[in-house]
Amino acid sequence: MYELSAADMGVVFHRAIEIISVRLKSEGRDFADLADEEIYTVAETAVMDASVDFSQSYFSDNSTNAYIKKRIIDMTARTVWALGRQLKSGIFKPVEFEEDFYRKEGDVLIKGKIDRVDIAEENDKIHVKVIDYKSGKNEFSADKLYVGLKLQLMLYLDAMLKKAAGKYPDKQIIAAGAFYNHIDNPIIAGERDRSAEKYEKALLESMRPGGVVSVESVYLMDDWDEGKSLCTPASKRYGKLALGRNVFTDRQLRCLADYAAGKLAGLEHEIREGNVKAEPYEGECDYCPYGGICHMGSNMPKTRQVPKISGREDMWQQFGYREED
């Protein structure tokens, strides 16, 4: 009897979203064009197609897997619905799905997949946003980026900004943002007591993306008056955009992306030099499948703590950012 693992579920989610994205693109549509009544059927078909490479008919092996199948379809459908609502709130359009990411330095090859790339055209500007789908909640952390953790999203943004510059040589390229989009079907407390409008708002608030967004681009993604944006990691206070840990300028985002690329180059150098000390940061080994080999925690020194960056001024000093004269 085949049991679905959390990793299996993550693979199915990603494949299903990719399948839906590609099919919609072939039809000249995107998530925003899906009618509510067709979303579930689209999600169900995509989930079944996404699971064909796994063990034979594992969704029907037992009642547990049958329940998981229903859960995956429900979560995929809800996520597709939320992605559509987010796109409807702005002018960004998806242009790439599962974009290959490669970086080679000597003998070290780094590769990955960028789940989605969106762009918005505004006069002589091209705004570029990258999206990573996650089955768990993720947020941007300047602290972790600084020490070389959570580089992925900023590396993807760096790569896509460079690609856009080559594709649109006569346009100004703007770093719009780098988002973690949550794959979920949240349970909303007091659902029966809410109006349809309030229930939808509560769902979108629960599924709002994490990550970073630029001041220059956020208004092309959402138009809201106060409080949290339902479509971006931004917020407004007294009608003005709140500059915080998630909202930066285009130049500041580029600084973070450049820093991530430089940090990766340093890590690649350390690998080539054979500097591979067992000095993990706290929490980084929690889900590693090789704990039985290294016996982390039983016979190794204590894990390192990620140092905290105290404020915005300290943050930009750490990342080497300078304001233009």
C-alpha atoms as a PDB file:
ATOM      1  CA  MET A   1       0.000   0.000   0.000  1.00  0.00           C
ATOM      2  CA  TYR A   2       1.423   3.362  -1.060  1.00  0.00           C
ATOM      3  CA  GLU A   3       1.318   6.240   1.424  1.00  0.00           C
ATOM      4  CA  LEU A   4       1.563   9.805   0.207  1.00  0.00           C
ATOM      5  CA  SER A   5       4.342  11.803   1.850  1.00  0.00           C
ATOM      6  CA  ALA A   6       4.378  15.553   2.395  1.00  0.00           C
ATOM      7  CA  ALA A   7       7.035  15.780  -0.338  1.00  0.00           C
ATOM      8  CA  ASP A   8       4.748  13.881  -2.752  1.00  0.00           C
ATOM      9  CA  MET A   9       1.922  16.301  -2.033  1.00  0.00           C
ATOM     10  CA  GLY A  10       4.204  19.268  -2.683  1.00  0.00           C
ATOM     11  CA  VAL A  11       5.241  17.820  -6.043  1.00  0.00           C
ATOM     12  CA  VAL A  12       1.606  17.250  -7.058  1.00  0.00           C
ATOM     13  CA  PHE A  13       0.632  20.796  -6.028  1.00  0.00           C
ATOM     14  CA  HIS A  14       3.418  22.346  -8.067  1.00  0.00           C
ATOM     15  CA  ARG A  15       2.757  20.178 -11.118  1.00  0.00           C
ATOM     16  CA  ALA A  16      -0.967  20.854 -10.982  1.00  0.00           C
ATOM     17  CA  ILE A  17      -0.481  24.630 -10.825  1.00  0.00           C
ATOM     18  CA  GLU A  18       2.037  24.419 -13.672  1.00  0.00           C
ATOM     19  CA  ILE A  19      -0.341  22.313 -15.802  1.00  0.00           C
ATOM     20  CA  ILE A  20      -3.175  24.789 -15.277  1.00  0.00           C
ATOM     21  CA  SER A  21      -0.882  27.737 -16.038  1.00  0.00           C
ATOM     22  CA  VAL A  22       0.416  26.264 -19.299  1.00  0.00           C
ATOM     23  CA  ARG A  23      -3.047  25.205 -20.476  1.00  0.00           C
ATOM     24  CA  LEU A  24      -4.482  28.636 -19.784  1.00  0.00           C
ATOM     25  CA  LYS A  25      -1.575  30.305 -21.583  1.00  0.00           C
ATOM     26  CA  SER A  26      -2.154  28.099 -24.642  1.00  0.00           C
ATOM     27  CA  GLU A  27      -5.758  29.360 -24.642  1.00  0.00           C
ATOM     28  CA  GLY A  28      -4.676  32.989 -24.332  1.00  0.00           C
ATOM     29  CA  ARG A  29      -5.936  33.155 -20.748  1.00  0.00           C
ATOM     30  CA  ASP A  30      -4.601  33.295 -17.207  1.00  0.00           C
ATOM     31  CA  PHE A  31      -5.946  32.627 -13.694  1.00  0.00           C
ATOM     32  CA  ALA A  32      -7.936  35.866 -13.745  1.00  0.00           C
ATOM     33  CA  ASP A  33      -9.981  34.632 -16.723  1.00  0.00           C
ATOM     34  CA  LEU A  34     -11.267  31.474 -15.021  1.00  0.00           C
ATOM     35  CA  ALA A  35     -14.933  31.551 -14.058  1.00  0.00           C
ATOM     36  CA  ASP A  36     -15.623  30.441 -10.495  1.00  0.00           C
ATOM     37  CA  GLU A  37     -17.777  27.550 -11.694  1.00  0.00           C
ATOM     38  CA  GLU A  38     -14.964  26.019 -13.809  1.00  0.00           C
ATOM     39  CA  ILE A  39     -12.153  26.271 -11.246  1.00  0.00           C
ATOM     40  CA  TYR A  40     -12.836  22.997  -9.421  1.00  0.00           C
ATOM     41  CA  THR A  41     -13.047  20.926 -12.620  1.00  0.00           C
ATOM     42  CA  VAL A  42      -9.854  22.520 -13.926  1.00  0.00           C
ATOM     43  CA  ALA A  43      -8.096  21.796 -10.613  1.00  0.00           C
ATOM     44  CA  GLU A  44      -9.333  18.190 -10.439  1.00  0.00           C
ATOM     45  CA  THR A  45      -8.159  17.414 -13.974  1.00  0.00           C
ATOM     46  CA  ALA A  46      -4.766  19.004 -13.341  1.00  0.00           C
ATOM     47  CA  VAL A  47      -4.216  17.138 -10.055  1.00  0.00           C
ATOM     48  CA  MET A  48      -4.970  13.781 -11.689  1.00  0.00           C
ATOM     49  CA  ASP A  49      -2.651  14.591 -14.604  1.00  0.00           C
ATOM     50  CA  ALA A  50       0.043  15.763 -12.187  1.00  0.00           C
ATOM     51  CA  SER A  51       0.004  12.471 -10.298  1.00  0.00           C
ATOM     52  CA  VAL A  52       0.483  10.047 -13.210  1.00  0.00           C
ATOM     53  CA  ASP A  53       4.195   9.526 -12.487  1.00  0.00           C
ATOM     54  CA  PHE A  54       3.585   8.201  -8.981  1.00  0.00           C
ATOM     55  CA  SER A  55       2.763   4.639  -7.943  1.00  0.00           C
ATOM     56  CA  GLN A  56      -0.232   3.050  -9.623  1.00  0.00           C
ATOM     57  CA  SER A  57      -3.532   4.649  -8.659  1.00  0.00           C
ATOM     58  CA  TYR A  58      -2.284   5.596  -5.216  1.00  0.00           C
ATOM     59  CA  PHE A  59      -5.171   7.989  -4.741  1.00  0.00           C
ATOM     60  CA  SER A  60      -7.573   5.028  -4.605  1.00  0.00           C
ATOM     61  CA  ASP A  61      -5.426   2.596  -2.597  1.00  0.00           C
ATOM     62  CA  ASN A  62      -7.144   3.389   0.683  1.00  0.00           C
ATOM     63  CA  SER A  63      -9.542   5.795   2.331  1.00  0.00           C
ATOM     64  CA  THR A  64      -6.702   7.912   3.705  1.00  0.00           C
ATOM     65  CA  ASN A  65      -5.238   8.553   0.266  1.00  0.00           C
ATOM     66  CA  ALA A  66      -8.729   9.167  -1.127  1.00  0.00           C
ATOM     67  CA  TYR A  67      -9.175  11.857   1.512  1.00  0.00           C
ATOM     68  CA  ILE A  68      -5.769  13.326   0.660  1.00  0.00           C
ATOM     69  CA  LYS A  69      -6.746  13.395  -3.019  1.00  0.00           C
ATOM     70  CA  LYS A  70      -9.846  15.452  -2.175  1.00  0.00           C
ATOM     71  CA  ARG A  71      -7.768  17.727   0.026  1.00  0.00           C
ATOM     72  CA  ILE A  72      -5.173  18.326  -2.702  1.00  0.00           C
ATOM     73  CA  ILE A  73      -7.878  19.137  -5.244  1.00  0.00           C
ATOM     74  CA  ASP A  74      -9.622  21.502  -2.809  1.00  0.00           C
ATOM     75  CA  MET A  75      -6.359  23.275  -1.973  1.00  0.00           C
ATOM     76  CA  THR A  76      -5.397  23.557  -5.635  1.00  0.00           C
ATOM     77  CA  ALA A  77      -8.816  24.952  -6.543  1.00  0.00           C
ATOM     78  CA  ARG A  78      -8.743  27.488  -3.717  1.00  0.00           C
ATOM     79  CA  THR A  79      -5.203  28.539  -4.639  1.00  0.00           C
ATOM     80  CA  VAL A  80      -6.150  29.007  -8.297  1.00  0.00           C
ATOM     81  CA  TRP A  81      -9.135  31.099  -7.187  1.00  0.00           C
ATOM     82  CA  ALA A  82      -6.886  33.304  -5.021  1.00  0.00           C
ATOM     83  CA  LEU A  83      -4.289  33.673  -7.791  1.00  0.00           C
ATOM     84  CA  GLY A  84      -7.049  34.835 -10.112  1.00  0.00           C
ATOM     85  CA  ARG A  85      -8.339  37.403  -7.619  1.00  0.00           C
ATOM     86  CA  GLN A  86      -4.806  38.725  -7.096  1.00  0.00           C
ATOM     87  CA  LEU A  87      -4.231  39.158 -10.834  1.00  0.00           C
ATOM     88  CA  LYS A  88      -7.596  40.871 -11.289  1.00  0.00           C
ATOM     89  CA  SER A  89      -6.532  43.544  -8.811  1.00  0.00           C
ATOM     90  CA  GLY A  90      -3.670  44.760 -11.004  1.00  0.00           C
ATOM     91  CA  ILE A  91      -2.202  44.804 -14.500  1.00  0.00           C
ATOM     92  CA  PHE A  92       0.532  42.182 -14.114  1.00  0.00           C
ATOM     93  CA  LYS A  93       0.403  39.209 -16.467  1.00  0.00           C
ATOM     94  CA  PRO A  94       2.104  35.801 -16.092  1.00  0.00           C
ATOM     95  CA  VAL A  95       4.681  35.284 -18.850  1.00  0.00           C
ATOM     96  CA  GLU A  96       6.821  32.349 -17.690  1.00  0.00           C
ATOM     97  CA  PHE A  97       6.128  29.150 -15.747  1.00  0.00           C
ATOM     98  CA  GLU A  98       8.704  26.726 -14.310  1.00  0.00           C
ATOM     99  CA  GLU A  99      11.493  28.858 -15.767  1.00  0.00           C
ATOM    100  CA  ASP A 100      14.877  27.124 -15.561  1.00  0.00           C
ATOM    101  CA  PHE A 101      17.485  28.737 -13.323  1.00  0.00           C
ATOM    102  CA  TYR A 102      21.145  27.834 -13.889  1.00  0.00           C
ATOM    103  CA  ARG A 103      24.325  29.238 -12.446  1.00  0.00           C
ATOM    104  CA  LYS A 104      27.739  27.617 -12.933  1.00  0.00           C
ATOM    105  CA  GLU A 105      30.925  28.686 -11.190  1.00  0.00           C
ATOM    106  CA  GLY A 106      33.813  26.352 -11.950  1.00  0.00           C
ATOM    107  CA  ASP A 107      32.773  22.846 -10.905  1.00  0.00           C
ATOM    108  CA  VAL A 108      29.768  24.061  -8.899  1.00  0.00           C
ATOM    109  CA  LEU A 109      26.382  23.965 -10.646  1.00  0.00           C
ATOM    110  CA  ILE A 110      23.373  25.618  -9.037  1.00  0.00           C
ATOM    111  CA  LYS A 111      20.014  24.987 -10.663  1.00  0.00           C
ATOM    112  CA  GLY A 112      16.364  25.417  -9.843  1.00  0.00           C
ATOM    113  CA  LYS A 113      12.923  26.265 -11.169  1.00  0.00           C
ATOM    114  CA  ILE A 114      11.226  29.645 -10.961  1.00  0.00           C
ATOM    115  CA  ASP A 115       7.551  28.821 -10.509  1.00  0.00           C
ATOM    116  CA  ARG A 116       6.206  31.952 -12.181  1.00  0.00           C
ATOM    117  CA  VAL A 117       7.332  35.260 -13.649  1.00  0.00           C
ATOM    118  CA  ASP A 118       4.907  38.162 -14.103  1.00  0.00           C
ATOM    119  CA  ILE A 119       5.493  41.441 -15.899  1.00  0.00           C
ATOM    120  CA  ALA A 120       3.608  44.717 -16.212  1.00  0.00           C
ATOM    121  CA  GLU A 121       4.265  47.209 -18.997  1.00  0.00           C
ATOM    122  CA  GLU A 122       3.967  50.879 -18.066  1.00  0.00           C
ATOM    123  CA  ASN A 123       4.998  53.359 -20.761  1.00  0.00           C
ATOM    124  CA  ASP A 124       8.790  52.921 -21.075  1.00  0.00           C
ATOM    125  CA  LYS A 125       9.040  50.632 -18.035  1.00  0.00           C
ATOM    126  CA  ILE A 126       8.879  46.867 -17.593  1.00  0.00           C
ATOM    127  CA  HIS A 127       8.060  45.757 -14.035  1.00  0.00           C
ATOM    128  CA  VAL A 128       9.296  42.243 -13.183  1.00  0.00           C
ATOM    129  CA  LYS A 129       7.944  40.043 -10.385  1.00  0.00           C
ATOM    130  CA  VAL A 130       8.922  36.467  -9.491  1.00  0.00           C
ATOM    131  CA  ILE A 131       6.677  34.049  -7.602  1.00  0.00           C
ATOM    132  CA  ASP A 132       7.496  30.883  -5.684  1.00  0.00           C
ATOM    133  CA  TYR A 133       4.617  28.594  -4.697  1.00  0.00           C
ATOM    134  CA  LYS A 134       4.869  27.208  -1.173  1.00  0.00           C
ATOM    135  CA  SER A 135       2.665  24.706   0.659  1.00  0.00           C
ATOM    136  CA  GLY A 136       3.650  26.371   3.946  1.00  0.00           C
ATOM    137  CA  LYS A 137       3.819  29.976   5.104  1.00  0.00           C
ATOM    138  CA  ASN A 138       7.023  31.787   4.125  1.00  0.00           C
ATOM    139  CA  GLU A 139       8.167  35.340   4.742  1.00  0.00           C
ATOM    140  CA  PHE A 140      11.144  37.409   3.654  1.00  0.00           C
ATOM    141  CA  SER A 141      13.894  37.591   6.277  1.00  0.00           C
ATOM    142  CA  ALA A 142      16.693  40.135   5.893  1.00  0.00           C
ATOM    143  CA  ASP A 143      18.470  38.442   8.806  1.00  0.00           C
ATOM    144  CA  LYS A 144      18.597  35.078   7.042  1.00  0.00           C
ATOM    145  CA  LEU A 145      19.454  36.582   3.667  1.00  0.00           C
ATOM    146  CA  TYR A 146      22.424  38.372   5.218  1.00  0.00           C
ATOM    147  CA  VAL A 147      24.004  35.153   6.540  1.00  0.00           C
ATOM    148  CA  GLY A 148      23.334  33.232   3.311  1.00  0.00           C
ATOM    149  CA  LEU A 149      20.032  31.531   4.123  1.00  0.00           C
ATOM    150  CA  LYS A 150      16.864  32.008   2.048  1.00  0.00           C
ATOM    151  CA  LEU A 151      18.798  33.192  -1.004  1.00  0.00           C
ATOM    152  CA  GLN A 152      16.507  31.468  -3.502  1.00  0.00           C
ATOM    153  CA  LEU A 153      13.850  34.106  -4.121  1.00  0.00           C
ATOM    154  CA  MET A 154      16.281  37.008  -4.473  1.00  0.00           C
ATOM    155  CA  LEU A 155      18.516  34.956  -6.777  1.00  0.00           C
ATOM    156  CA  TYR A 156      15.507  34.275  -8.982  1.00  0.00           C
ATOM    157  CA  LEU A 157      14.660  37.977  -9.064  1.00  0.00           C
ATOM    158  CA  ASP A 158      18.259  38.815  -9.983  1.00  0.00           C
ATOM    159  CA  ALA A 159      18.193  36.309 -12.863  1.00  0.00           C
ATOM    160  CA  MET A 160      14.869  37.533 -14.246  1.00  0.00           C
ATOM    161  CA  LEU A 161      15.874  41.202 -14.062  1.00  0.00           C
ATOM    162  CA  LYS A 162      18.942  40.397 -16.155  1.00  0.00           C
ATOM    163  CA  LYS A 163      16.869  38.373 -18.617  1.00  0.00           C
ATOM    164  CA  ALA A 164      14.338  41.208 -18.955  1.00  0.00           C
ATOM    165  CA  ALA A 165      17.138  43.718 -19.577  1.00  0.00           C
ATOM    166  CA  GLY A 166      18.301  41.600 -22.504  1.00  0.00           C
ATOM    167  CA  LYS A 167      14.789  41.109 -23.858  1.00  0.00           C
ATOM    168  CA  TYR A 168      13.733  44.751 -23.531  1.00  0.00           C
ATOM    169  CA  PRO A 169      16.925  46.769 -24.202  1.00  0.00           C
ATOM    170  CA  ASP A 170      15.020  50.013 -24.822  1.00  0.00           C
ATOM    171  CA  LYS A 171      12.954  49.796 -21.626  1.00  0.00           C
ATOM    172  CA  GLN A 172      13.676  50.656 -18.011  1.00  0.00           C
ATOM    173  CA  ILE A 173      13.510  47.438 -15.985  1.00  0.00           C
ATOM    174  CA  ILE A 174      11.920  47.762 -12.533  1.00  0.00           C
ATOM    175  CA  ALA A 175      12.297  45.197  -9.752  1.00  0.00           C
ATOM    176  CA  ALA A 176       8.622  44.845  -8.824  1.00  0.00           C
ATOM    177  CA  GLY A 177       8.799  42.147  -6.193  1.00  0.00           C
ATOM    178  CA  ALA A 178       9.523  38.589  -5.169  1.00  0.00           C
ATOM    179  CA  PHE A 179       6.583  36.705  -3.652  1.00  0.00           C
ATOM    180  CA  TYR A 180       5.929  33.497  -1.777  1.00  0.00           C
ATOM    181  CA  ASN A 181       2.408  32.414  -2.776  1.00  0.00           C
ATOM    182  CA  HIS A 182       0.789  30.092  -0.257  1.00  0.00           C
ATOM    183  CA  ILE A 183      -0.937  26.942  -1.567  1.00  0.00           C
ATOM    184  CA  ASP A 184      -3.792  26.469   0.881  1.00  0.00           C
ATOM    185  CA  ASN A 185      -7.502  26.107   1.514  1.00  0.00           C
ATOM    186  CA  PRO A 186      -7.826  27.964   4.825  1.00  0.00           C
ATOM    187  CA  ILE A 187     -10.641  27.447   7.298  1.00  0.00           C
ATOM    188  CA  ILE A 188     -12.194  30.796   8.187  1.00  0.00           C
ATOM    189  CA  ALA A 189     -13.658  31.103  11.673  1.00  0.00           C
ATOM    190  CA  GLY A 190     -17.287  32.226  11.756  1.00  0.00           C
ATOM    191  CA  GLU A 191     -17.773  31.448   8.066  1.00  0.00           C
ATOM    192  CA  ARG A 192     -21.553  31.061   8.371  1.00  0.00           C
ATOM    193  CA  ASP A 193     -21.899  34.455  10.034  1.00  0.00           C
ATOM    194  CA  ARG A 194     -20.093  36.354   7.291  1.00  0.00           C
ATOM    195  CA  SER A 195     -21.459  37.860   4.111  1.00  0.00           C
ATOM    196  CA  ALA A 196     -20.036  36.506   0.854  1.00  0.00           C
ATOM    197  CA  GLU A 197     -17.954  39.666   0.450  1.00  0.00           C
ATOM    198  CA  LYS A 198     -16.506  39.495   3.971  1.00  0.00           C
ATOM    199  CA  TYR A 199     -15.816  35.767   3.629  1.00  0.00           C
ATOM    200  CA  GLU A 200     -13.936  36.323   0.361  1.00  0.00           C
ATOM    201  CA  LYS A 201     -11.915  39.124   1.957  1.00  0.00           C
ATOM    202  CA  ALA A 202     -11.027  36.876   4.910  1.00  0.00           C
ATOM    203  CA  LEU A 203      -9.881  34.126   2.530  1.00  0.00           C
ATOM    204  CA  LEU A 204      -7.697  36.495   0.529  1.00  0.00           C
ATOM    205  CA  GLU A 205      -6.207  37.977   3.681  1.00  0.00           C
ATOM    206  CA  SER A 206      -5.332  34.482   4.886  1.00  0.00           C
ATOM    207  CA  MET A 207      -3.701  33.701   1.531  1.00  0.00           C
ATOM    208  CA  ARG A 208      -1.929  37.015   0.918  1.00  0.00           C
ATOM    209  CA  PRO A 209       1.591  36.434  -0.372  1.00  0.00           C
ATOM    210  CA  GLY A 210       4.760  36.885   1.638  1.00  0.00           C
ATOM    211  CA  GLY A 211       7.972  38.323   0.284  1.00  0.00           C
ATOM    212  CA  VAL A 212       8.978  41.797  -0.851  1.00  0.00           C
ATOM    213  CA  VAL A 213       7.433  44.425  -3.125  1.00  0.00           C
ATOM    214  CA  SER A 214       8.706  47.704  -4.567  1.00  0.00           C
ATOM    215  CA  VAL A 215       7.258  51.160  -3.995  1.00  0.00           C
ATOM    216  CA  GLU A 216       7.367  51.819  -7.739  1.00  0.00           C
ATOM    217  CA  SER A 217       5.289  48.749  -8.635  1.00  0.00           C
ATOM    218  CA  VAL A 218       2.865  47.978  -5.812  1.00  0.00           C
ATOM    219  CA  TYR A 219       0.151  50.264  -7.214  1.00  0.00           C
ATOM    220  CA  LEU A 220       0.160  48.144 -10.392  1.00  0.00           C
ATOM    221  CA  MET A 221      -0.728  45.065  -8.315  1.00  0.00           C
ATOM    222  CA  ASP A 222      -3.437  46.365  -5.994  1.00  0.00           C
ATOM    223  CA  ASP A 223      -5.443  49.502  -5.277  1.00  0.00           C
ATOM    224  CA  TRP A 224      -6.562  49.617  -1.676  1.00  0.00           C
ATOM    225  CA  ASP A 225      -7.242  52.415   0.788  1.00  0.00           C
ATOM    226  CA  GLU A 226      -6.023  51.301   4.205  1.00  0.00           C
ATOM    227  CA  GLY A 227      -4.546  48.395   6.155  1.00  0.00           C
ATOM    228  CA  LYS A 228      -3.125  45.268   4.560  1.00  0.00           C
ATOM    229  CA  SER A 229      -3.160  44.737   0.822  1.00  0.00           C
ATOM    230  CA  LEU A 230      -4.900  41.457  -0.001  1.00  0.00           C
ATOM    231  CA  CYS A 231      -2.660  40.870  -3.024  1.00  0.00           C
ATOM    232  CA  THR A 232       0.813  41.960  -1.895  1.00  0.00           C
ATOM    233  CA  PRO A 233       2.904  41.983   1.312  1.00  0.00           C
ATOM    234  CA  ALA A 234       2.344  45.765   1.608  1.00  0.00           C
ATOM    235  CA  SER A 235       0.210  47.802   4.025  1.00  0.00           C
ATOM    236  CA  LYS A 236      -1.058  51.370   4.237  1.00  0.00           C
ATOM    237  CA  ARG A 237      -1.333  53.614   7.269  1.00  0.00           C
ATOM    238  CA  TYR A 238      -3.491  56.721   7.037  1.00  0.00           C
ATOM    239  CA  GLY A 239      -3.673  56.159   3.300  1.00  0.00           C
ATOM    240  CA  LYS A 240       0.101  56.105   2.815  1.00  0.00           C
ATOM    241  CA  LEU A 241       2.273  53.123   1.957  1.00  0.00           C
ATOM    242  CA  ALA A 242       4.028  51.825   5.062  1.00  0.00           C
ATOM    243  CA  LEU A 243       7.737  51.281   4.475  1.00  0.00           C
ATOM    244  CA  GLY A 244       8.629  48.230   6.498  1.00  0.00           C
ATOM    245  CA  ARG A 245      10.344  44.899   6.267  1.00  0.00           C
ATOM    246  CA  ASN A 246       8.482  43.991   3.050  1.00  0.00           C
ATOM    247  CA  VAL A 247       8.321  47.278   1.095  1.00  0.00           C
ATOM    248  CA  PHE A 248      11.421  48.699  -0.598  1.00  0.00           C
ATOM    249  CA  THR A 249      12.407  50.807  -3.580  1.00  0.00           C
ATOM    250  CA  ASP A 250      13.491  49.333  -6.898  1.00  0.00           C
ATOM    251  CA  ARG A 251      17.122  50.175  -6.088  1.00  0.00           C
ATOM    252  CA  GLN A 252      16.882  48.573  -2.660  1.00  0.00           C
ATOM    253  CA  LEU A 253      15.440  45.369  -4.123  1.00  0.00           C
ATOM    254  CA  ARG A 254      18.263  45.311  -6.653  1.00  0.00           C
ATOM    255  CA  CYS A 255      20.726  45.731  -3.796  1.00  0.00           C
ATOM    256  CA  LEU A 256      19.243  42.679  -2.049  1.00  0.00           C
ATOM    257  CA  ALA A 257      19.313  40.678  -5.297  1.00  0.00           C
ATOM    258  CA  ASP A 258      22.939  41.680  -5.947  1.00  0.00           C
ATOM    259  CA  TYR A 259      23.852  40.757  -2.383  1.00  0.00           C
ATOM    260  CA  ALA A 260      22.246  37.318  -2.775  1.00  0.00           C
ATOM    261  CA  ALA A 261      24.218  36.709  -5.981  1.00  0.00           C
ATOM    262  CA  GLY A 262      27.452  37.781  -4.275  1.00  0.00           C
ATOM    263  CA  LYS A 263      26.716  35.639  -1.230  1.00  0.00           C
ATOM    264  CA  LEU A 264      26.130  32.616  -3.443  1.00  0.00           C
ATOM    265  CA  ALA A 265      29.451  33.232  -5.203  1.00  0.00           C
ATOM    266  CA  GLY A 266      31.133  33.226  -1.793  1.00  0.00           C
ATOM    267  CA  LEU A 267      29.448  29.959  -0.814  1.00  0.00           C
ATOM    268  CA  GLU A 268      30.466  28.398  -4.124  1.00  0.00           C
ATOM    269  CA  HIS A 269      34.072  29.399  -3.417  1.00  0.00           C
ATOM    270  CA  GLU A 270      33.894  27.824   0.049  1.00  0.00           C
ATOM    271  CA  ILE A 271      32.621  24.565  -1.456  1.00  0.00           C
ATOM    272  CA  ARG A 272      35.439  24.466  -4.023  1.00  0.00           C
ATOM    273  CA  GLU A 273      37.966  25.100  -1.254  1.00  0.00           C
ATOM    274  CA  GLY A 274      36.551  22.213   0.756  1.00  0.00           C
ATOM    275  CA  ASN A 275      35.334  24.386   3.628  1.00  0.00           C
ATOM    276  CA  VAL A 276      32.293  22.363   4.675  1.00  0.00           C
ATOM    277  CA  LYS A 277      32.225  22.608   8.446  1.00  0.00           C
ATOM    278  CA  ALA A 278      29.187  21.203  10.243  1.00  0.00           C
ATOM    279  CA  GLU A 279      27.998  24.546  11.644  1.00  0.00           C
ATOM    280  CA  PRO A 280      24.292  24.763  10.816  1.00  0.00           C
ATOM    281  CA  TYR A 281      22.080  27.620  11.901  1.00  0.00           C
ATOM    282  CA  GLU A 282      19.281  26.887  14.338  1.00  0.00           C
ATOM    283  CA  GLY A 283      16.282  25.232  12.676  1.00  0.00           C
ATOM    284  CA  GLU A 284      18.004  24.500   9.372  1.00  0.00           C
ATOM    285  CA  CYS A 285      18.325  20.761  10.130  1.00  0.00           C
ATOM    286  CA  ASP A 286      14.751  20.241  11.325  1.00  0.00           C
ATOM    287  CA  TYR A 287      13.507  18.587   8.118  1.00  0.00           C
ATOM    288  CA  CYS A 288      16.769  17.225   6.735  1.00  0.00           C
ATOM    289  CA  PRO A 289      16.437  13.516   5.774  1.00  0.00           C
ATOM    290  CA  TYR A 290      20.104  12.825   6.570  1.00  0.00           C
ATOM    291  CA  GLY A 291      19.994  13.377  10.327  1.00  0.00           C
ATOM    292  CA  GLY A 292      20.607   9.676  10.903  1.00  0.00           C
ATOM    293  CA  ILE A 293      23.935   9.969   9.106  1.00  0.00           C
ATOM    294  CA  CYS A 294      25.428  13.076  10.702  1.00  0.00           C
ATOM    295  CA  HIS A 295      23.663  12.626  14.080  1.00  0.00           C
ATOM    296  CA  MET A 296      23.180  16.357  14.342  1.00  0.00           C
ATOM    297  CA  GLY A 297      22.262  17.364  17.870  1.00  0.00           C
ATOM    298  CA  SER A 298      23.769  14.342  19.603  1.00  0.00           C
ATOM    299  CA  ASN A 299      27.509  14.748  19.129  1.00  0.00           C
ATOM    300  CA  MET A 300      27.957  18.126  17.475  1.00  0.00           C
ATOM    301  CA  PRO A 301      28.394  21.659  18.804  1.00  0.00           C
ATOM    302  CA  LYS A 302      25.334  23.818  19.330  1.00  0.00           C
ATOM    303  CA  THR A 303      23.731  25.338  16.274  1.00  0.00           C
ATOM    304  CA  ARG A 304      24.489  28.941  15.389  1.00  0.00           C
ATOM    305  CA  GLN A 305      21.988  31.726  15.969  1.00  0.00           C
ATOM    306  CA  VAL A 306      21.041  34.039  13.099  1.00  0.00           C
ATOM    307  CA  PRO A 307      22.055  37.564  14.200  1.00  0.00           C
ATOM    308  CA  LYS A 308      19.261  40.126  14.221  1.00  0.00           C
ATOM    309  CA  ILE A 309      19.456  43.278  12.117  1.00  0.00           C
ATOM    310  CA  SER A 310      18.229  46.067  14.384  1.00  0.00           C
ATOM    311  CA  GLY A 311      16.563  48.484  11.950  1.00  0.00           C
ATOM    312  CA  ARG A 312      16.333  49.768   8.378  1.00  0.00           C
ATOM    313  CA  GLU A 313      19.430  51.964   8.672  1.00  0.00           C
ATOM    314  CA  ASP A 314      21.465  49.080  10.075  1.00  0.00           C
ATOM    315  CA  MET A 315      20.002  46.762   7.454  1.00  0.00           C
ATOM    316  CA  TRP A 316      21.115  48.852   4.490  1.00  0.00           C
ATOM    317  CA  GLN A 317      24.519  49.407   6.019  1.00  0.00           C
ATOM    318  CA  GLN A 318      24.908  45.620   6.305  1.00  0.00           C
ATOM    319  CA  PHE A 319      23.866  45.062   2.684  1.00  0.00           C
ATOM    320  CA  GLY A 320      26.092  47.871   1.369  1.00  0.00           C
ATOM    321  CA  TYR A 321      23.257  50.034   0.062  1.00  0.00           C
ATOM    322  CA  ARG A 322      23.871  53.725  -0.593  1.00  0.00           C
ATOM    323  CA  GLU A 323      21.344  56.392  -1.520  1.00  0.00           C
ATOM    324  CA  GLU A 324      21.927  58.214  -4.802  1.00  0.00           C
ATOM    325  CA  ASP A 325      23.491  61.652  -4.521  1.00  0.00           C
END
